Amino acid sequence: MSEIEALPVGAQTVGERLRAAREAAGLTLTEIAARTRVPQRHLEAIERDEFTALPSTTYSVGFARAYARAVGADEVSIAAAVRAQLETSGRERHEYQAFQPADPARVPPRALAWTAAIIAVLILAGFAWWRSNLGSGADVPVAEISPSPSTTPGPRPEAAAAPTPASGPVVLTASDAVWIKVTDATGKALVQKELKAGETYQVPADAAEPQLTFSRPEVLSVTVGGVAIPPLGPPAKLVKNALLTPEGLRARATPSPAPAR
């Protein structure tokens, strides 16, 4: 025989039955609230049989079941009694129950779940936009640059000759954020990243015919052995497959011979 069945005959309502079971177990409402995570004011309302003070029928049944479980009472019988009392009061008839109510103390807040889902969608959308605009160079004007040094016109004969770079390491230096991609003769990517302002990248000396694809030539300087090379493209253009061998870059910096008169 359960504790609820052993209660005095006078304990007829749900509140009286649960209060008697709690006192028989030697527990306080504060201890029941800690065990069930049901606010103490709601437990007090249950003991007074004031179920209309609770948010809804779902909460009334769920809280009462949690209370019964904490004091070792028959929670199924208590739930049925709560429904009967609510039906008598007229509340149960006006509330549509689409499913068997769960214990509200164990249900996570719906607002928290929606907030987490919205944040996750925003993060994914932002990452996709970043990849499409920076990683692929989309919507950026393209200037095709041939690896051949002969396509770059030399200075006029009367202009002062620029210093000819000696053999040495090829170094890329960014004065502002710029996306670069360096590949070798087989198409293998040696580097693909965004250089930040002041950041440098040295082309491996053993790279086979390295070629550079990048945006914003005006913010990327190229040196060979410490000697600056003219810009590899016009401002605000996407440059593709610019040859980065020391020989090719030196040829770009060497003035073309003046035409015969």
Protein backbone atom coordinates (compact mmCIF):
# COMPACT_ATOMS: atom_id res chain seq x y z
CA MET A 1 0.00 0.00 0.00
CA SER A 2 1.41 3.42 -1.01
CA GLU A 3 1.73 6.38 1.30
CA ILE A 4 -1.12 8.17 -0.50
CA GLU A 5 -3.44 5.20 -0.01
CA ALA A 6 -2.52 5.06 3.70
CA LEU A 7 -3.55 8.70 4.31
CA PRO A 8 -6.52 9.54 6.49
CA VAL A 9 -9.92 9.46 4.81
CA GLY A 10 -10.39 13.19 5.42
CA ALA A 11 -7.51 14.10 3.07
CA GLN A 12 -9.61 14.36 -0.07
CA THR A 13 -8.13 17.08 -2.29
CA VAL A 14 -4.82 16.94 -4.12
CA GLY A 15 -3.36 19.68 -1.96
CA GLU A 16 -4.34 17.94 1.27
CA ARG A 17 -2.98 14.58 0.05
CA LEU A 18 0.37 16.05 -1.00
CA ARG A 19 0.74 18.12 2.16
CA ALA A 20 0.02 15.05 4.31
CA ALA A 21 2.56 13.01 2.31
CA ARG A 22 5.18 15.75 2.70
CA GLU A 23 4.65 16.01 6.45
CA ALA A 24 4.79 12.22 6.75
CA ALA A 25 8.14 12.28 4.95
CA GLY A 26 9.41 15.04 7.26
CA LEU A 27 10.10 17.49 4.40
CA THR A 28 9.55 21.24 4.09
CA LEU A 29 8.27 23.10 1.08
CA THR A 30 11.72 24.63 0.68
CA GLU A 31 13.23 21.15 0.37
CA ILE A 32 10.54 20.09 -2.13
CA ALA A 33 11.24 23.21 -4.22
CA ALA A 34 14.98 22.38 -4.25
CA ARG A 35 14.31 18.79 -5.35
CA THR A 36 11.77 19.58 -8.06
CA ARG A 37 12.98 23.04 -9.18
CA VAL A 38 9.36 24.15 -8.93
CA PRO A 39 9.02 27.64 -7.40
CA GLN A 40 7.89 27.44 -3.78
CA ARG A 41 4.96 29.82 -4.40
CA HIS A 42 3.54 27.31 -6.89
CA LEU A 43 3.94 24.47 -4.38
CA GLU A 44 2.10 26.55 -1.82
CA ALA A 45 -0.70 27.14 -4.35
CA ILE A 46 -0.94 23.38 -4.97
CA GLU A 47 -1.27 22.64 -1.26
CA ARG A 48 -4.07 25.24 -1.10
CA ASP A 49 -5.67 23.63 -4.21
CA GLU A 50 -5.46 27.01 -5.96
CA PHE A 51 -4.63 25.61 -9.42
CA THR A 52 -6.02 28.72 -11.11
CA ALA A 53 -2.99 30.57 -9.72
CA LEU A 54 -0.73 28.39 -11.91
CA PRO A 55 0.01 29.38 -15.54
CA SER A 56 -2.00 26.61 -17.24
CA THR A 57 -3.33 23.09 -16.95
CA THR A 58 -0.04 21.76 -18.29
CA TYR A 59 1.90 23.42 -15.49
CA SER A 60 -0.69 22.42 -12.87
CA VAL A 61 -0.42 18.72 -13.78
CA GLY A 62 3.36 18.83 -14.28
CA PHE A 63 4.09 20.60 -10.99
CA ALA A 64 1.77 18.29 -9.06
CA ARG A 65 3.42 15.21 -10.57
CA ALA A 66 6.87 16.53 -9.66
CA TYR A 67 5.66 17.21 -6.11
CA ALA A 68 4.20 13.69 -5.83
CA ARG A 69 7.42 12.14 -7.14
CA ALA A 70 9.47 14.03 -4.54
CA VAL A 71 7.40 12.73 -1.63
CA GLY A 72 7.02 9.18 -2.95
CA ALA A 73 3.37 9.49 -3.85
CA ASP A 74 1.56 7.94 -6.82
CA GLU A 75 2.13 10.65 -9.45
CA VAL A 76 -0.29 9.07 -11.94
CA SER A 77 -3.09 9.16 -9.37
CA ILE A 78 -2.19 12.73 -8.42
CA ALA A 79 -2.21 13.84 -12.08
CA ALA A 80 -5.65 12.31 -12.58
CA ALA A 81 -6.92 14.01 -9.44
CA VAL A 82 -5.58 17.39 -10.59
CA ARG A 83 -7.37 17.02 -13.91
CA ALA A 84 -10.56 16.07 -12.12
CA GLN A 85 -10.36 19.12 -9.86
CA LEU A 86 -9.64 21.39 -12.83
CA GLU A 87 -12.54 19.93 -14.75
CA THR A 88 -14.80 20.54 -11.77
CA SER A 89 -13.63 24.16 -11.62
CA GLY A 90 -14.25 24.57 -15.37
CA ARG A 91 -10.68 25.34 -16.32
CA GLU A 92 -9.86 21.98 -17.94
CA ARG A 93 -12.74 22.28 -20.40
CA HIS A 94 -11.44 25.60 -21.77
CA GLU A 95 -7.85 24.46 -22.40
CA TYR A 96 -6.86 22.33 -25.36
CA GLN A 97 -4.21 19.73 -24.50
CA ALA A 98 -2.47 18.60 -27.69
CA PHE A 99 -0.15 16.19 -25.89
CA GLN A 100 0.55 14.58 -22.55
CA PRO A 101 2.17 17.35 -20.46
CA ALA A 102 5.75 16.80 -19.46
CA ASP A 103 7.31 17.92 -16.24
CA PRO A 104 7.73 21.71 -16.77
CA ALA A 105 10.72 21.74 -14.43
CA ARG A 106 12.62 19.63 -17.00
CA VAL A 107 11.66 21.56 -20.14
CA PRO A 108 14.36 24.03 -21.34
CA PRO A 109 13.22 27.61 -22.00
CA ARG A 110 11.93 27.96 -25.57
CA ALA A 111 13.37 31.49 -25.88
CA LEU A 112 16.88 30.20 -25.17
CA ALA A 113 16.62 27.56 -27.90
CA TRP A 114 15.35 30.09 -30.49
CA THR A 115 18.11 32.57 -29.58
CA ALA A 116 20.82 29.92 -30.01
CA ALA A 117 19.39 28.89 -33.40
CA ILE A 118 19.28 32.48 -34.67
CA ILE A 119 22.88 33.13 -33.57
CA ALA A 120 24.06 29.96 -35.34
CA VAL A 121 22.33 31.00 -38.60
CA LEU A 122 23.89 34.49 -38.45
CA ILE A 123 27.38 33.07 -37.87
CA LEU A 124 27.05 30.67 -40.82
CA ALA A 125 25.74 33.43 -43.10
CA GLY A 126 28.59 35.76 -42.15
CA PHE A 127 31.21 33.06 -42.75
CA ALA A 128 29.74 32.23 -46.17
CA TRP A 129 29.79 35.92 -47.16
CA TRP A 130 33.42 36.27 -46.08
CA ARG A 131 34.50 33.22 -48.07
CA SER A 132 32.65 34.31 -51.21
CA ASN A 133 34.00 37.90 -51.17
CA LEU A 134 37.57 37.43 -49.95
CA GLY A 135 38.41 33.84 -50.85
CA SER A 136 37.28 33.98 -54.49
CA GLY A 137 37.81 37.65 -55.28
CA ALA A 138 34.19 37.94 -56.50
CA ASP A 139 32.94 41.25 -57.92
CA VAL A 140 36.51 42.55 -58.27
CA PRO A 141 37.65 43.90 -61.66
CA VAL A 142 40.18 41.55 -63.28
CA ALA A 143 43.32 42.52 -65.13
CA GLU A 144 45.06 39.64 -66.89
CA ILE A 145 48.86 39.88 -66.52
CA SER A 146 50.98 37.74 -68.79
CA PRO A 147 54.04 36.11 -67.20
CA SER A 148 56.12 37.38 -70.11
CA PRO A 149 58.20 40.46 -69.12
CA SER A 150 57.97 41.89 -72.66
CA THR A 151 54.38 43.07 -72.09
CA THR A 152 55.44 45.76 -69.62
CA PRO A 153 56.59 48.92 -71.35
CA GLY A 154 59.92 50.34 -70.18
CA PRO A 155 60.55 53.95 -69.17
CA ARG A 156 61.10 56.67 -71.72
CA PRO A 157 64.72 57.08 -72.83
CA GLU A 158 65.03 60.41 -71.10
CA ALA A 159 63.76 59.04 -67.76
CA ALA A 160 66.25 58.19 -65.03
CA ALA A 161 67.10 54.49 -64.98
CA ALA A 162 65.65 52.60 -62.03
CA PRO A 163 68.03 50.43 -59.98
CA THR A 164 68.27 46.91 -61.34
CA PRO A 165 67.50 44.37 -58.62
CA ALA A 166 70.13 41.79 -57.89
CA SER A 167 69.38 38.12 -57.37
CA GLY A 168 67.93 37.42 -53.97
CA PRO A 169 64.76 36.47 -52.11
CA VAL A 170 61.40 37.60 -53.46
CA VAL A 171 59.42 39.26 -50.66
CA LEU A 172 55.82 40.50 -50.72
CA THR A 173 54.91 43.26 -48.22
CA ALA A 174 51.37 44.56 -47.56
CA SER A 175 50.71 48.18 -46.63
CA ASP A 176 47.04 47.32 -46.07
CA ALA A 177 44.92 44.15 -45.94
CA VAL A 178 45.25 42.27 -49.25
CA TRP A 179 44.34 38.72 -50.33
CA ILE A 180 47.10 36.71 -52.09
CA LYS A 181 47.51 33.24 -53.61
CA VAL A 182 50.89 31.87 -54.74
CA THR A 183 51.07 28.64 -56.79
CA ASP A 184 53.94 26.71 -58.37
CA ALA A 185 54.25 25.35 -61.90
CA THR A 186 52.04 22.36 -61.07
CA GLY A 187 49.23 24.57 -59.76
CA LYS A 188 49.90 23.61 -56.12
CA ALA A 189 49.05 26.44 -53.73
CA LEU A 190 52.10 27.55 -51.74
CA VAL A 191 50.10 30.11 -49.78
CA GLN A 192 46.52 31.39 -49.86
CA LYS A 193 45.68 33.97 -47.21
CA GLU A 194 45.03 37.59 -46.41
CA LEU A 195 48.13 39.62 -45.58
CA LYS A 196 47.50 42.24 -42.94
CA ALA A 197 49.07 45.71 -42.96
CA GLY A 198 52.82 45.36 -42.36
CA GLU A 199 52.80 41.58 -42.90
CA THR A 200 55.30 40.01 -45.35
CA TYR A 201 55.60 36.75 -47.24
CA GLN A 202 58.87 35.41 -48.72
CA VAL A 203 58.51 33.19 -51.78
CA PRO A 204 60.36 29.88 -51.26
CA ALA A 205 63.63 29.94 -53.20
CA ASP A 206 63.09 26.38 -54.45
CA ALA A 207 59.55 27.02 -55.77
CA ALA A 208 59.21 26.09 -59.46
CA GLU A 209 57.99 29.11 -61.46
CA PRO A 210 55.86 30.60 -58.67
CA GLN A 211 52.94 32.74 -59.83
CA LEU A 212 50.94 35.30 -57.86
CA THR A 213 47.19 36.01 -57.98
CA PHE A 214 46.11 38.89 -55.77
CA SER A 215 43.88 41.93 -55.41
CA ARG A 216 44.69 45.61 -54.80
CA PRO A 217 48.17 45.91 -56.41
CA GLU A 218 48.47 49.40 -54.95
CA VAL A 219 48.90 48.02 -51.41
CA LEU A 220 51.31 45.13 -52.18
CA SER A 221 55.00 45.88 -52.79
CA VAL A 222 57.38 43.31 -54.27
CA THR A 223 61.17 43.28 -53.75
CA VAL A 224 63.98 41.12 -55.17
CA GLY A 225 67.07 41.09 -53.02
CA GLY A 226 65.76 44.18 -51.23
CA VAL A 227 65.20 46.19 -54.45
CA ALA A 228 61.60 47.29 -55.15
CA ILE A 229 59.84 46.12 -58.30
CA PRO A 230 57.25 48.29 -60.12
CA PRO A 231 53.61 47.47 -59.25
CA LEU A 232 52.39 44.25 -60.85
CA GLY A 233 49.08 45.75 -61.93
CA PRO A 234 46.86 48.83 -61.94
CA PRO A 235 45.11 49.91 -58.73
CA ALA A 236 41.91 48.17 -57.60
CA LYS A 237 42.35 45.25 -60.02
CA LEU A 238 42.63 41.51 -59.51
CA VAL A 239 45.97 40.33 -60.92
CA LYS A 240 46.24 36.71 -62.04
CA ASN A 241 49.33 34.53 -62.54
CA ALA A 242 52.05 37.19 -62.22
CA LEU A 243 55.46 35.45 -62.45
CA LEU A 244 57.45 35.71 -59.20
CA THR A 245 60.84 34.32 -60.24
CA PRO A 246 63.79 36.66 -59.55
CA GLU A 247 64.68 36.62 -63.26
CA GLY A 248 61.18 37.54 -64.38
CA LEU A 249 60.86 40.32 -61.80
CA ARG A 250 64.31 41.72 -62.69
CA ALA A 251 63.25 41.82 -66.32
CA ARG A 252 60.18 43.84 -65.37
CA ALA A 253 62.38 46.38 -63.58
CA THR A 254 64.94 46.66 -66.45
CA PRO A 255 64.18 49.53 -68.87
CA SER A 256 63.52 48.49 -72.48
CA PRO A 257 66.10 49.79 -75.02
CA ALA A 258 65.19 53.05 -76.75
CA PRO A 259 63.90 52.61 -80.31
CA ALA A 260 66.33 53.55 -83.14
CA ARG A 261 65.76 56.96 -84.73
